[in-house]
All heavy atoms as atom14 arrays in JSON, in Angstrom:
{
  "sequence": "GGFVGAWGKRGSGKGEFNFPTNLALDRQGNL",
  "atom14_mask": [
    [1, 1, 1, 1, 0, 0, 0, 0, 0, 0, 0, 0, 0, 0],
    [1, 1, 1, 1, 0, 0, 0, 0, 0, 0, 0, 0, 0, 0],
    [1, 1, 1, 1, 1, 1, 1, 1, 1, 1, 1, 0, 0, 0],
    [1, 1, 1, 1, 1, 1, 1, 0, 0, 0, 0, 0, 0, 0],
    [1, 1, 1, 1, 0, 0, 0, 0, 0, 0, 0, 0, 0, 0],
    [1, 1, 1, 1, 1, 0, 0, 0, 0, 0, 0, 0, 0, 0],
    [1, 1, 1, 1, 1, 1, 1, 1, 1, 1, 1, 1, 1, 1],
    [1, 1, 1, 1, 0, 0, 0, 0, 0, 0, 0, 0, 0, 0],
    [1, 1, 1, 1, 1, 1, 1, 1, 1, 0, 0, 0, 0, 0],
    [1, 1, 1, 1, 1, 1, 1, 1, 1, 1, 1, 0, 0, 0],
    [1, 1, 1, 1, 0, 0, 0, 0, 0, 0, 0, 0, 0, 0],
    [1, 1, 1, 1, 1, 1, 0, 0, 0, 0, 0, 0, 0, 0],
    [1, 1, 1, 1, 0, 0, 0, 0, 0, 0, 0, 0, 0, 0],
    [1, 1, 1, 1, 1, 1, 1, 1, 1, 0, 0, 0, 0, 0],
    [1, 1, 1, 1, 0, 0, 0, 0, 0, 0, 0, 0, 0, 0],
    [1, 1, 1, 1, 1, 1, 1, 1, 1, 0, 0, 0, 0, 0],
    [1, 1, 1, 1, 1, 1, 1, 1, 1, 1, 1, 0, 0, 0],
    [1, 1, 1, 1, 1, 1, 1, 1, 0, 0, 0, 0, 0, 0],
    [1, 1, 1, 1, 1, 1, 1, 1, 1, 1, 1, 0, 0, 0],
    [1, 1, 1, 1, 1, 1, 1, 0, 0, 0, 0, 0, 0, 0],
    [1, 1, 1, 1, 1, 1, 1, 0, 0, 0, 0, 0, 0, 0],
    [1, 1, 1, 1, 1, 1, 1, 1, 0, 0, 0, 0, 0, 0],
    [1, 1, 1, 1, 1, 1, 1, 1, 0, 0, 0, 0, 0, 0],
    [1, 1, 1, 1, 1, 0, 0, 0, 0, 0, 0, 0, 0, 0],
    [1, 1, 1, 1, 1, 1, 1, 1, 0, 0, 0, 0, 0, 0],
    [1, 1, 1, 1, 1, 1, 1, 1, 0, 0, 0, 0, 0, 0],
    [1, 1, 1, 1, 1, 1, 1, 1, 1, 1, 1, 0, 0, 0],
    [1, 1, 1, 1, 1, 1, 1, 1, 1, 0, 0, 0, 0, 0],
    [1, 1, 1, 1, 0, 0, 0, 0, 0, 0, 0, 0, 0, 0],
    [1, 1, 1, 1, 1, 1, 1, 1, 0, 0, 0, 0, 0, 0],
    [1, 1, 1, 1, 1, 1, 1, 1, 0, 0, 0, 0, 0, 0]
  ],
  "atom14_positions": [
    [[92.06, 101.07, 126.87], [91.42, 99.76, 126.83], [90.13, 99.7, 126.05], [89.61, 98.61, 125.79], [0.0, 0.0, 0.0], [0.0, 0.0, 0.0], [0.0, 0.0, 0.0], [0.0, 0.0, 0.0], [0.0, 0.0, 0.0], [0.0, 0.0, 0.0], [0.0, 0.0, 0.0], [0.0, 0.0, 0.0], [0.0, 0.0, 0.0], [0.0, 0.0, 0.0]],
    [[89.58, 100.83, 125.67], [88.32, 100.84, 124.93], [88.5, 100.39, 123.49], [89.51, 100.69, 122.85], [0.0, 0.0, 0.0], [0.0, 0.0, 0.0], [0.0, 0.0, 0.0], [0.0, 0.0, 0.0], [0.0, 0.0, 0.0], [0.0, 0.0, 0.0], [0.0, 0.0, 0.0], [0.0, 0.0, 0.0], [0.0, 0.0, 0.0], [0.0, 0.0, 0.0]],
    [[87.49, 99.66, 122.98], [87.54, 99.18, 121.59], [87.02, 100.27, 120.66], [85.95, 100.84, 120.89], [86.69, 97.91, 121.45], [86.64, 97.38, 120.04], [87.79, 96.94, 119.4], [85.43, 97.33, 119.34], [87.75, 96.45, 118.1], [85.38, 96.83, 118.05], [86.54, 96.39, 117.43], [0.0, 0.0, 0.0], [0.0, 0.0, 0.0], [0.0, 0.0, 0.0]],
    [[87.79, 100.57, 119.6], [87.43, 101.63, 118.66], [86.81, 101.06, 117.39], [85.78, 101.55, 116.91], [88.66, 102.48, 118.31], [88.32, 103.52, 117.24], [89.21, 103.16, 119.56], [0.0, 0.0, 0.0], [0.0, 0.0, 0.0], [0.0, 0.0, 0.0], [0.0, 0.0, 0.0], [0.0, 0.0, 0.0], [0.0, 0.0, 0.0], [0.0, 0.0, 0.0]],
    [[87.4, 100.0, 116.83], [86.86, 99.42, 115.61], [87.84, 98.45, 114.99], [88.91, 98.16, 115.54], [0.0, 0.0, 0.0], [0.0, 0.0, 0.0], [0.0, 0.0, 0.0], [0.0, 0.0, 0.0], [0.0, 0.0, 0.0], [0.0, 0.0, 0.0], [0.0, 0.0, 0.0], [0.0, 0.0, 0.0], [0.0, 0.0, 0.0], [0.0, 0.0, 0.0]],
    [[87.47, 97.93, 113.81], [88.32, 96.98, 113.08], [88.24, 97.31, 111.6], [87.19, 97.72, 111.09], [87.89, 95.55, 113.35], [0.0, 0.0, 0.0], [0.0, 0.0, 0.0], [0.0, 0.0, 0.0], [0.0, 0.0, 0.0], [0.0, 0.0, 0.0], [0.0, 0.0, 0.0], [0.0, 0.0, 0.0], [0.0, 0.0, 0.0], [0.0, 0.0, 0.0]],
    [[89.36, 97.1, 110.91], [89.45, 97.42, 109.49], [89.85, 96.19, 108.69], [90.64, 95.38, 109.13], [90.5, 98.5, 109.25], [90.34, 99.75, 110.06], [89.2, 100.25, 110.6], [91.38, 100.66, 110.41], [89.46, 101.41, 111.27], [90.79, 101.7, 111.17], [92.75, 100.71, 110.14], [91.52, 102.77, 111.67], [93.48, 101.78, 110.63], [92.87, 102.79, 111.4]],
    [[89.33, 96.11, 107.48], [89.81, 95.14, 106.51], [89.15, 93.79, 106.57], [88.37, 93.47, 107.47], [0.0, 0.0, 0.0], [0.0, 0.0, 0.0], [0.0, 0.0, 0.0], [0.0, 0.0, 0.0], [0.0, 0.0, 0.0], [0.0, 0.0, 0.0], [0.0, 0.0, 0.0], [0.0, 0.0, 0.0], [0.0, 0.0, 0.0], [0.0, 0.0, 0.0]],
    [[89.5, 92.98, 105.58], [89.08, 91.59, 105.48], [90.1, 90.89, 104.61], [91.01, 91.52, 104.05], [87.7, 91.49, 104.85], [87.63, 92.01, 103.42], [86.24, 91.85, 102.83], [86.19, 92.35, 101.38], [84.84, 92.17, 100.79], [0.0, 0.0, 0.0], [0.0, 0.0, 0.0], [0.0, 0.0, 0.0], [0.0, 0.0, 0.0], [0.0, 0.0, 0.0]],
    [[89.97, 89.58, 104.5], [90.94, 88.85, 103.69], [90.71, 89.13, 102.21], [89.59, 89.12, 101.72], [90.86, 87.35, 103.95], [92.0, 86.58, 103.27], [92.11, 85.15, 103.71], [93.38, 84.58, 103.28], [93.78, 83.34, 103.55], [93.01, 82.54, 104.28], [94.95, 82.9, 103.13], [0.0, 0.0, 0.0], [0.0, 0.0, 0.0], [0.0, 0.0, 0.0]],
    [[91.8, 89.4, 101.51], [91.72, 89.66, 100.09], [92.98, 90.33, 99.6], [93.95, 90.52, 100.34], [0.0, 0.0, 0.0], [0.0, 0.0, 0.0], [0.0, 0.0, 0.0], [0.0, 0.0, 0.0], [0.0, 0.0, 0.0], [0.0, 0.0, 0.0], [0.0, 0.0, 0.0], [0.0, 0.0, 0.0], [0.0, 0.0, 0.0], [0.0, 0.0, 0.0]],
    [[92.99, 90.71, 98.33], [94.15, 91.34, 97.73], [93.85, 92.75, 97.21], [94.7, 93.37, 96.57], [94.68, 90.49, 96.57], [93.66, 90.28, 95.59], [0.0, 0.0, 0.0], [0.0, 0.0, 0.0], [0.0, 0.0, 0.0], [0.0, 0.0, 0.0], [0.0, 0.0, 0.0], [0.0, 0.0, 0.0], [0.0, 0.0, 0.0], [0.0, 0.0, 0.0]],
    [[92.64, 93.24, 97.48], [92.28, 94.59, 97.05], [92.84, 95.65, 97.99], [93.49, 95.35, 98.99], [0.0, 0.0, 0.0], [0.0, 0.0, 0.0], [0.0, 0.0, 0.0], [0.0, 0.0, 0.0], [0.0, 0.0, 0.0], [0.0, 0.0, 0.0], [0.0, 0.0, 0.0], [0.0, 0.0, 0.0], [0.0, 0.0, 0.0], [0.0, 0.0, 0.0]],
    [[92.56, 96.89, 97.67], [92.99, 97.98, 98.51], [92.28, 97.91, 99.86], [91.06, 97.79, 99.92], [92.7, 99.32, 97.84], [93.47, 99.53, 96.54], [93.08, 100.84, 95.89], [93.87, 101.06, 94.6], [93.49, 102.33, 93.93], [0.0, 0.0, 0.0], [0.0, 0.0, 0.0], [0.0, 0.0, 0.0], [0.0, 0.0, 0.0], [0.0, 0.0, 0.0]],
    [[93.05, 98.0, 100.94], [92.47, 97.92, 102.27], [92.11, 96.51, 102.7], [91.52, 96.33, 103.78], [0.0, 0.0, 0.0], [0.0, 0.0, 0.0], [0.0, 0.0, 0.0], [0.0, 0.0, 0.0], [0.0, 0.0, 0.0], [0.0, 0.0, 0.0], [0.0, 0.0, 0.0], [0.0, 0.0, 0.0], [0.0, 0.0, 0.0], [0.0, 0.0, 0.0]],
    [[92.45, 95.51, 101.89], [92.27, 94.1, 102.26], [93.64, 93.5, 102.57], [94.67, 93.98, 102.08], [91.59, 93.34, 101.12], [90.2, 93.85, 100.81], [89.55, 93.14, 99.63], [90.28, 92.46, 98.86], [88.32, 93.27, 99.47], [0.0, 0.0, 0.0], [0.0, 0.0, 0.0], [0.0, 0.0, 0.0], [0.0, 0.0, 0.0], [0.0, 0.0, 0.0]],
    [[93.63, 92.43, 103.37], [94.9, 91.89, 103.86], [94.95, 90.38, 103.72], [93.92, 89.7, 103.72], [95.09, 92.26, 105.34], [94.94, 93.73, 105.62], [93.8, 94.22, 106.24], [95.93, 94.62, 105.25], [93.64, 95.56, 106.5], [95.78, 95.98, 105.5], [94.64, 96.45, 106.13], [0.0, 0.0, 0.0], [0.0, 0.0, 0.0], [0.0, 0.0, 0.0]],
    [[96.17, 89.89, 103.63], [96.42, 88.46, 103.61], [97.59, 88.19, 104.56], [98.74, 88.36, 104.19], [96.75, 88.0, 102.19], [96.79, 86.49, 102.05], [96.25, 85.76, 102.88], [97.45, 86.01, 101.01], [0.0, 0.0, 0.0], [0.0, 0.0, 0.0], [0.0, 0.0, 0.0], [0.0, 0.0, 0.0], [0.0, 0.0, 0.0], [0.0, 0.0, 0.0]],
    [[97.25, 87.84, 105.78], [98.23, 87.62, 106.85], [99.05, 88.88, 107.14], [100.27, 88.91, 106.95], [99.16, 86.45, 106.53], [98.46, 85.13, 106.44], [98.14, 84.59, 105.2], [98.1, 84.43, 107.58], [97.47, 83.37, 105.1], [97.43, 83.21, 107.49], [97.12, 82.68, 106.25], [0.0, 0.0, 0.0], [0.0, 0.0, 0.0], [0.0, 0.0, 0.0]],
    [[98.4, 89.94, 107.62], [99.16, 91.11, 108.05], [99.98, 90.77, 109.3], [99.5, 90.08, 110.19], [98.06, 92.13, 108.38], [96.88, 91.3, 108.76], [96.96, 90.08, 107.89], [0.0, 0.0, 0.0], [0.0, 0.0, 0.0], [0.0, 0.0, 0.0], [0.0, 0.0, 0.0], [0.0, 0.0, 0.0], [0.0, 0.0, 0.0], [0.0, 0.0, 0.0]],
    [[101.22, 91.24, 109.34], [102.1, 90.8, 110.43], [102.64, 91.94, 111.29], [102.72, 91.8, 112.5], [103.3, 90.01, 109.87], [103.95, 90.8, 108.86], [102.86, 88.69, 109.27], [0.0, 0.0, 0.0], [0.0, 0.0, 0.0], [0.0, 0.0, 0.0], [0.0, 0.0, 0.0], [0.0, 0.0, 0.0], [0.0, 0.0, 0.0], [0.0, 0.0, 0.0]],
    [[103.05, 93.04, 110.68], [103.71, 94.08, 111.46], [103.21, 95.46, 111.06], [102.73, 95.66, 109.94], [105.23, 94.0, 111.29], [105.81, 92.77, 111.97], [106.12, 92.78, 113.15], [105.95, 91.69, 111.21], [0.0, 0.0, 0.0], [0.0, 0.0, 0.0], [0.0, 0.0, 0.0], [0.0, 0.0, 0.0], [0.0, 0.0, 0.0], [0.0, 0.0, 0.0]],
    [[103.34, 96.41, 112.0], [102.78, 97.74, 111.83], [103.78, 98.82, 112.21], [104.67, 98.6, 113.03], [101.53, 97.91, 112.7], [100.41, 96.88, 112.57], [99.35, 97.11, 113.64], [99.8, 96.92, 111.18], [0.0, 0.0, 0.0], [0.0, 0.0, 0.0], [0.0, 0.0, 0.0], [0.0, 0.0, 0.0], [0.0, 0.0, 0.0], [0.0, 0.0, 0.0]],
    [[103.6, 100.0, 111.62], [104.38, 101.18, 112.0], [103.55, 102.41, 111.7], [102.58, 102.37, 110.92], [105.71, 101.23, 111.25], [0.0, 0.0, 0.0], [0.0, 0.0, 0.0], [0.0, 0.0, 0.0], [0.0, 0.0, 0.0], [0.0, 0.0, 0.0], [0.0, 0.0, 0.0], [0.0, 0.0, 0.0], [0.0, 0.0, 0.0], [0.0, 0.0, 0.0]],
    [[103.91, 103.53, 112.31], [103.2, 104.79, 112.13], [104.18, 105.87, 111.7], [105.34, 105.87, 112.11], [102.53, 105.22, 113.43], [101.34, 104.38, 113.9], [101.15, 104.53, 115.39], [100.07, 104.78, 113.16], [0.0, 0.0, 0.0], [0.0, 0.0, 0.0], [0.0, 0.0, 0.0], [0.0, 0.0, 0.0], [0.0, 0.0, 0.0], [0.0, 0.0, 0.0]],
    [[103.68, 106.81, 110.86], [104.49, 107.98, 110.57], [104.05, 109.14, 111.45], [103.17, 109.0, 112.31], [104.45, 108.33, 109.07], [103.06, 108.76, 108.59], [102.2, 109.12, 109.42], [102.84, 108.74, 107.36], [0.0, 0.0, 0.0], [0.0, 0.0, 0.0], [0.0, 0.0, 0.0], [0.0, 0.0, 0.0], [0.0, 0.0, 0.0], [0.0, 0.0, 0.0]],
    [[104.65, 110.29, 111.27], [104.38, 111.43, 112.15], [102.99, 112.01, 111.96], [102.49, 112.74, 112.82], [105.44, 112.51, 111.94], [106.82, 112.07, 112.42], [107.82, 113.2, 112.36], [109.09, 112.82, 112.98], [110.11, 113.65, 113.15], [110.02, 114.91, 112.74], [111.22, 113.23, 113.73], [0.0, 0.0, 0.0], [0.0, 0.0, 0.0], [0.0, 0.0, 0.0]],
    [[102.35, 111.71, 110.84], [100.99, 112.17, 110.6], [99.95, 111.21, 111.14], [98.75, 111.46, 111.04], [100.76, 112.39, 109.09], [101.5, 113.58, 108.51], [103.0, 113.35, 108.42], [103.47, 112.29, 108.01], [103.78, 114.34, 108.82], [0.0, 0.0, 0.0], [0.0, 0.0, 0.0], [0.0, 0.0, 0.0], [0.0, 0.0, 0.0], [0.0, 0.0, 0.0]],
    [[100.4, 110.09, 111.7], [99.48, 109.09, 112.22], [99.01, 108.1, 111.2], [98.1, 107.3, 111.48], [0.0, 0.0, 0.0], [0.0, 0.0, 0.0], [0.0, 0.0, 0.0], [0.0, 0.0, 0.0], [0.0, 0.0, 0.0], [0.0, 0.0, 0.0], [0.0, 0.0, 0.0], [0.0, 0.0, 0.0], [0.0, 0.0, 0.0], [0.0, 0.0, 0.0]],
    [[99.6, 108.11, 109.99], [99.24, 107.11, 108.99], [99.84, 105.76, 109.37], [100.97, 105.69, 109.88], [99.74, 107.54, 107.61], [99.12, 108.83, 107.15], [97.92, 109.05, 107.3], [99.94, 109.72, 106.58], [0.0, 0.0, 0.0], [0.0, 0.0, 0.0], [0.0, 0.0, 0.0], [0.0, 0.0, 0.0], [0.0, 0.0, 0.0], [0.0, 0.0, 0.0]],
    [[99.08, 104.72, 109.13], [99.47, 103.37, 109.54], [100.05, 102.59, 108.37], [99.43, 102.51, 107.3], [98.26, 102.63, 110.11], [98.53, 101.23, 110.66], [99.35, 101.31, 111.95], [97.2, 100.5, 110.93], [0.0, 0.0, 0.0], [0.0, 0.0, 0.0], [0.0, 0.0, 0.0], [0.0, 0.0, 0.0], [0.0, 0.0, 0.0], [0.0, 0.0, 0.0]]
  ]
}
């Protein structure tokens, strides 16, 4: 339940998002 942090902002650059909808993880923990 603890808050860790938040990533990104609206945009089209690397690490920026425009309506992110779904997520998945690989075995290395990459998102």
